[in-house]
Amino acid sequence: MRPAWQTLTSSTVFQSYEWNQAAARVLADREVPHVTLVESENGVALVPAAVAGDHLTLLGESLADYRDVLAAGDPSLLDTAWSEAACLGLKFSTGAVRADSELARWEGFSLSSFYGAPLVSRTQISAEQFLAEHNRLGRWRRRLEREGVELRCYSGRNSELVRRIYQEKGNQPAETGDSLFTDPARVEFMVQACAALGSACEIFTLESAGTLVASLVTFREASTRRFYTIQFNQRWARYSPGMVLIYHTTYESLRDGVDCDYMTGEQGYKIRFTTSVVPMYWVEATPQLMSSLASRHAIAA
């Protein structure tokens, strides 16, 4: 499926072939891949689905912040793909679909409000304005520099670093509940996905004498940088290194004409920087509804 998949425009990295191929390989014990691809001379449609227990969902387990299908050309091809998926007789349920994606692809499905995705947009604030509004964090960064902490950047191909980040993230107290990354399979997924994405995965770190003070895993997509994981060393907590790293990376992104997507969840540490929030939806459908989609274009014709 790779050639057809890669001709389709992904709305986010979570629809890319590389992300989904890693999910299908590493997480197959909890989500059995059931990807449907429909092609004709008039277009192509792809539903990157998986069976998770008693329902159908989209690949990525809890590690894909945004979900979507892919399609180009004849819209009836996507309906055909859904009809094929409906043959499993399972309810479809997934979150989260962004409100700024092509929602027309979800016509007929049940959409309910989900979490929002905070965003810092270059059209709403300049790098200089951002710097002025958050100058306290600039002082904190200078404190870290005086302590010998250096800022560095790596690609997702640095698998040793990625593994270290997610293993340490698994040991870091979560704001609520257990961390996702206490699960070794999820750590392995991130290692493989980041390596496959290569330079599209940018990892920013604060380091001191071999100590990983803080790290920020991001995904770069055209004019948007998505902030996926923030991790910090508890021994440096008094310096707020995680916040300093988010602040610095946001400033540099705006300076370079790049928007910053802080991704799912409206936590306080995100909202303090945010200029807007993109709504998201939870999507559901019965197998009967999915099966009926293929007939709507024939009726219209």
Protein backbone atom coordinates (compact mmCIF):
# COMPACT_ATOMS: atom_id res chain seq x y z
CA MET A 1 0.00 0.00 0.00
CA ARG A 2 3.00 2.32 0.41
CA PRO A 3 3.01 3.89 -3.11
CA ALA A 4 -0.68 4.82 -3.07
CA TRP A 5 -0.53 5.89 0.58
CA GLN A 6 2.35 8.26 -0.05
CA THR A 7 0.56 9.97 -2.94
CA LEU A 8 -2.15 11.12 -0.53
CA THR A 9 -1.80 14.39 1.35
CA SER A 10 -1.69 13.74 5.10
CA SER A 11 -3.43 16.24 7.36
CA THR A 12 -0.90 15.50 10.12
CA VAL A 13 2.04 13.16 10.71
CA PHE A 14 -0.39 10.68 12.28
CA GLN A 15 -1.81 9.88 8.83
CA SER A 16 1.61 9.27 7.30
CA TYR A 17 2.59 5.83 6.01
CA GLU A 18 5.61 5.81 8.34
CA TRP A 19 3.59 6.38 11.53
CA ASN A 20 0.90 3.86 10.65
CA GLN A 21 3.33 1.21 9.43
CA ALA A 22 5.14 1.40 12.78
CA ALA A 23 1.83 1.17 14.65
CA ALA A 24 0.71 -1.83 12.60
CA ARG A 25 3.98 -3.62 13.27
CA VAL A 26 4.66 -2.80 16.95
CA LEU A 27 1.15 -2.51 18.42
CA ALA A 28 -0.58 -5.34 16.55
CA ASP A 29 -1.17 -7.29 19.76
CA ARG A 30 -3.67 -4.65 20.89
CA GLU A 31 -4.86 -3.24 17.56
CA VAL A 32 -5.13 -5.69 14.66
CA PRO A 33 -4.61 -3.76 11.40
CA HIS A 34 -7.54 -3.70 8.98
CA VAL A 35 -6.50 -1.05 6.46
CA THR A 36 -8.75 -0.58 3.43
CA LEU A 37 -7.48 0.98 0.21
CA VAL A 38 -9.76 1.67 -2.78
CA GLU A 39 -8.33 2.90 -6.09
CA SER A 40 -9.72 3.74 -9.51
CA GLU A 41 -8.76 5.94 -12.44
CA ASN A 42 -10.77 8.68 -10.72
CA GLY A 43 -9.01 8.69 -7.36
CA VAL A 44 -7.94 6.83 -4.25
CA ALA A 45 -9.26 6.46 -0.69
CA LEU A 46 -7.72 4.90 2.39
CA VAL A 47 -9.12 4.04 5.82
CA PRO A 48 -6.20 3.15 8.16
CA ALA A 49 -8.39 1.10 10.47
CA ALA A 50 -7.69 -1.47 13.15
CA VAL A 51 -9.72 -3.81 15.33
CA ALA A 52 -9.36 -2.94 19.01
CA GLY A 53 -11.30 -5.40 21.17
CA ASP A 54 -14.99 -5.12 20.28
CA HIS A 55 -14.82 -2.09 17.98
CA LEU A 56 -13.16 -0.65 14.89
CA THR A 57 -10.88 2.36 15.26
CA LEU A 58 -8.00 4.05 13.42
CA LEU A 59 -4.42 2.89 13.84
CA GLY A 60 -2.18 4.47 16.44
CA GLU A 61 -3.72 3.31 19.73
CA SER A 62 -3.48 6.11 22.34
CA LEU A 63 -0.32 7.48 20.72
CA ALA A 64 -1.94 9.19 17.72
CA ASP A 65 -3.26 12.55 18.87
CA TYR A 66 -5.16 13.24 15.66
CA ARG A 67 -7.08 10.75 13.49
CA ASP A 68 -8.28 11.00 9.92
CA VAL A 69 -8.87 9.10 6.70
CA LEU A 70 -7.13 9.89 3.41
CA ALA A 71 -8.76 10.49 0.05
CA ALA A 72 -8.29 12.22 -3.29
CA GLY A 73 -10.60 12.48 -6.28
CA ASP A 74 -13.93 10.63 -6.48
CA PRO A 75 -15.61 10.88 -3.01
CA SER A 76 -17.54 7.65 -3.58
CA LEU A 77 -14.28 5.70 -3.19
CA LEU A 78 -14.10 6.60 0.50
CA ASP A 79 -17.69 5.41 0.98
CA THR A 80 -16.73 2.13 -0.69
CA ALA A 81 -13.81 1.77 1.72
CA TRP A 82 -16.11 2.29 4.70
CA SER A 83 -18.55 -0.27 3.32
CA GLU A 84 -15.73 -2.79 3.13
CA ALA A 85 -14.73 -2.04 6.73
CA ALA A 86 -18.36 -2.49 7.78
CA CYS A 87 -18.17 -6.16 6.75
CA LEU A 88 -16.52 -6.83 10.11
CA GLY A 89 -19.84 -5.98 11.80
CA LEU A 90 -18.14 -3.78 14.40
CA LYS A 91 -19.01 -0.32 15.67
CA PHE A 92 -16.52 2.38 14.67
CA SER A 93 -15.23 4.69 17.39
CA THR A 94 -12.22 7.01 17.42
CA GLY A 95 -10.91 10.32 18.63
CA ALA A 96 -9.81 12.84 17.79
CA VAL A 97 -10.60 14.51 14.48
CA ARG A 98 -9.54 18.14 14.20
CA ALA A 99 -12.17 20.73 13.33
CA ASP A 100 -9.78 22.30 10.81
CA SER A 101 -9.44 19.03 8.84
CA GLU A 102 -11.69 18.03 5.94
CA LEU A 103 -14.79 17.30 8.00
CA ALA A 104 -16.80 16.62 4.84
CA ARG A 105 -15.11 13.22 4.81
CA TRP A 106 -16.99 12.41 8.03
CA GLU A 107 -20.45 13.33 6.75
CA GLY A 108 -23.04 10.96 8.18
CA PHE A 109 -20.88 9.94 11.16
CA SER A 110 -21.72 10.99 14.72
CA LEU A 111 -19.36 13.76 15.89
CA SER A 112 -19.25 14.86 19.52
CA SER A 113 -17.06 17.46 21.20
CA PHE A 114 -13.69 16.26 22.45
CA TYR A 115 -10.64 18.02 23.90
CA GLY A 116 -9.16 21.07 22.20
CA ALA A 117 -5.67 21.50 20.76
CA PRO A 118 -3.94 24.74 21.88
CA LEU A 119 -2.10 26.60 19.14
CA VAL A 120 0.36 29.49 18.92
CA SER A 121 -0.16 31.07 15.52
CA ARG A 122 2.29 33.39 13.77
CA THR A 123 -0.71 35.30 12.38
CA GLN A 124 -1.85 36.11 15.93
CA ILE A 125 1.46 36.88 17.66
CA SER A 126 4.95 37.74 16.44
CA ALA A 127 8.15 36.28 17.85
CA GLU A 128 8.99 39.65 19.39
CA GLN A 129 5.56 39.94 21.05
CA PHE A 130 5.85 36.39 22.38
CA LEU A 131 9.29 37.20 23.82
CA ALA A 132 7.98 40.35 25.50
CA GLU A 133 4.92 38.63 26.99
CA HIS A 134 6.97 35.80 28.52
CA ASN A 135 10.24 37.51 29.43
CA ARG A 136 10.31 35.79 32.82
CA LEU A 137 11.06 32.50 31.09
CA GLY A 138 13.89 34.23 29.25
CA ARG A 139 15.44 34.96 32.64
CA TRP A 140 14.98 31.32 33.65
CA ARG A 141 16.78 30.21 30.52
CA ARG A 142 19.71 32.48 31.35
CA ARG A 143 19.83 30.92 34.83
CA LEU A 144 20.11 27.49 33.23
CA GLU A 145 22.88 28.73 30.95
CA ARG A 146 24.81 29.97 33.99
CA GLU A 147 24.48 26.44 35.40
CA GLY A 148 26.18 25.07 32.29
CA VAL A 149 23.03 23.82 30.54
CA GLU A 150 23.20 23.78 26.74
CA LEU A 151 20.45 23.68 24.11
CA ARG A 152 20.81 20.99 21.43
CA CYS A 153 18.75 19.56 18.57
CA TYR A 154 18.60 16.04 17.12
CA SER A 155 16.59 14.14 14.51
CA GLY A 156 14.34 11.17 15.19
CA ARG A 157 17.07 8.91 13.81
CA ASN A 158 18.88 9.18 17.14
CA SER A 159 17.13 6.08 18.45
CA GLU A 160 19.24 5.84 21.60
CA LEU A 161 18.09 9.31 22.63
CA VAL A 162 14.45 8.61 21.76
CA ARG A 163 14.48 5.42 23.85
CA ARG A 164 16.07 7.27 26.76
CA ILE A 165 13.49 10.07 26.59
CA TYR A 166 10.51 7.73 26.66
CA GLN A 167 11.94 5.45 29.31
CA GLU A 168 12.55 8.49 31.51
CA LYS A 169 9.10 9.82 30.62
CA GLY A 170 7.67 6.54 31.89
CA ASN A 171 9.36 7.19 35.23
CA GLN A 172 8.22 10.82 35.40
CA PRO A 173 5.12 11.47 37.53
CA ALA A 174 2.15 12.19 35.26
CA GLU A 175 -0.27 15.02 36.02
CA THR A 176 -3.08 12.48 36.22
CA GLY A 177 -2.90 8.71 36.22
CA ASP A 178 -0.06 6.55 34.98
CA SER A 179 2.20 7.56 32.14
CA LEU A 180 1.55 5.97 28.76
CA PHE A 181 5.22 5.13 28.56
CA THR A 182 5.44 2.74 31.45
CA ASP A 183 4.51 0.31 28.64
CA PRO A 184 7.67 -0.98 26.84
CA ALA A 185 5.72 -1.56 23.60
CA ARG A 186 4.81 2.13 23.42
CA VAL A 187 8.43 3.09 24.01
CA GLU A 188 9.48 0.76 21.18
CA PHE A 189 6.79 2.23 18.93
CA MET A 190 8.12 5.75 19.49
CA VAL A 191 11.68 4.62 18.74
CA GLN A 192 10.60 3.07 15.44
CA ALA A 193 8.19 5.84 14.43
CA CYS A 194 10.68 8.64 15.13
CA ALA A 195 13.42 6.79 13.22
CA ALA A 196 11.10 6.28 10.23
CA LEU A 197 10.14 9.97 10.21
CA GLY A 198 13.79 11.00 10.37
CA SER A 199 14.34 14.74 10.01
CA ALA A 200 10.58 15.37 10.25
CA CYS A 201 11.00 14.44 13.90
CA GLU A 202 12.94 17.20 15.68
CA ILE A 203 14.10 16.66 19.25
CA PHE A 204 15.15 19.69 21.30
CA THR A 205 17.07 19.12 24.53
CA LEU A 206 18.62 20.93 27.46
CA GLU A 207 21.73 19.06 28.60
CA SER A 208 24.40 19.46 31.24
CA ALA A 209 27.51 17.28 31.53
CA GLY A 210 25.79 14.21 30.11
CA THR A 211 22.58 14.83 32.07
CA LEU A 212 19.35 15.16 30.10
CA VAL A 213 17.78 18.14 31.87
CA ALA A 214 14.73 18.35 29.59
CA SER A 215 13.64 17.18 26.15
CA LEU A 216 10.92 18.10 23.68
CA VAL A 217 9.93 15.73 20.86
CA THR A 218 8.29 17.56 17.96
CA PHE A 219 7.05 16.72 14.47
CA ARG A 220 7.56 19.22 11.65
CA GLU A 221 4.92 19.49 8.93
CA ALA A 222 5.36 22.30 6.40
CA SER A 223 4.59 25.47 8.38
CA THR A 224 3.59 23.76 11.66
CA ARG A 225 5.67 22.25 14.45
CA ARG A 226 3.70 19.83 16.65
CA PHE A 227 4.88 19.55 20.27
CA TYR A 228 4.37 15.88 21.04
CA THR A 229 6.25 15.04 24.27
CA ILE A 230 7.83 17.16 27.00
CA GLN A 231 10.04 15.41 29.55
CA PHE A 232 12.22 16.87 32.30
CA ASN A 233 14.61 15.79 35.05
CA GLN A 234 12.97 16.18 38.46
CA ARG A 235 16.30 17.20 40.03
CA TRP A 236 16.20 20.36 37.88
CA ALA A 237 12.53 21.13 38.53
CA ARG A 238 13.24 24.38 40.39
CA TYR A 239 14.51 25.83 37.09
CA SER A 240 11.33 24.84 35.17
CA PRO A 241 13.41 23.36 32.31
CA GLY A 242 10.39 21.91 30.51
CA MET A 243 8.66 25.29 30.36
CA VAL A 244 11.91 26.97 29.30
CA LEU A 245 12.29 24.47 26.44
CA ILE A 246 8.70 24.99 25.26
CA TYR A 247 9.18 28.76 25.49
CA HIS A 248 12.45 28.76 23.55
CA THR A 249 11.23 26.38 20.83
CA THR A 250 8.01 28.37 20.42
CA TYR A 251 9.94 31.61 20.07
CA GLU A 252 12.32 30.16 17.48
CA SER A 253 9.41 28.63 15.56
CA LEU A 254 7.56 31.96 15.37
CA ARG A 255 10.77 33.70 14.35
CA ASP A 256 11.12 31.20 11.49
CA GLY A 257 7.47 31.63 10.37
CA VAL A 258 6.26 28.35 11.86
CA ASP A 259 3.08 27.79 13.91
CA CYS A 260 3.23 25.76 17.13
CA ASP A 261 0.62 23.10 17.85
CA TYR A 262 0.70 22.04 21.52
CA MET A 263 -1.62 19.14 20.69
CA THR A 264 -4.42 17.42 22.62
CA GLY A 265 -5.34 18.83 26.03
CA GLU A 266 -5.83 22.30 27.46
CA GLN A 267 -3.45 22.03 30.40
CA GLY A 268 -2.46 25.22 32.18
CA TYR A 269 1.18 25.13 31.06
CA LYS A 270 -0.02 25.18 27.44
CA ILE A 271 -2.75 27.78 27.84
CA ARG A 272 -0.31 30.34 29.25
CA PHE A 273 1.26 30.58 25.76
CA THR A 274 -1.74 29.78 23.54
CA THR A 275 -3.27 32.22 21.05
CA SER A 276 -6.16 29.93 20.01
CA VAL A 277 -7.59 26.44 20.50
CA VAL A 278 -8.62 24.10 17.67
CA PRO A 279 -11.75 22.08 18.59
CA MET A 280 -11.68 18.32 18.09
CA TYR A 281 -14.33 15.64 17.78
CA TRP A 282 -14.92 12.07 18.85
CA VAL A 283 -16.34 10.12 15.89
CA GLU A 284 -18.63 7.08 15.94
CA ALA A 285 -20.69 5.02 13.50
CA THR A 286 -22.61 1.77 13.46
CA PRO A 287 -21.67 -0.92 10.93
CA GLN A 288 -25.09 -0.39 9.34
CA LEU A 289 -24.32 3.29 8.74
CA MET A 290 -20.89 2.53 7.28
CA SER A 291 -22.39 -0.11 5.01
CA SER A 292 -25.02 2.31 3.72
CA LEU A 293 -22.53 5.01 2.69
CA ALA A 294 -21.70 3.43 -0.66
CA SER A 295 -25.31 3.81 -1.83
CA ARG A 296 -25.65 7.55 -1.26
CA HIS A 297 -23.72 8.56 -4.39
CA ALA A 298 -25.70 6.11 -6.51
CA ILE A 299 -28.92 7.63 -5.14
CA ALA A 300 -27.66 11.14 -5.85
CA ALA A 301 -26.72 10.17 -9.39
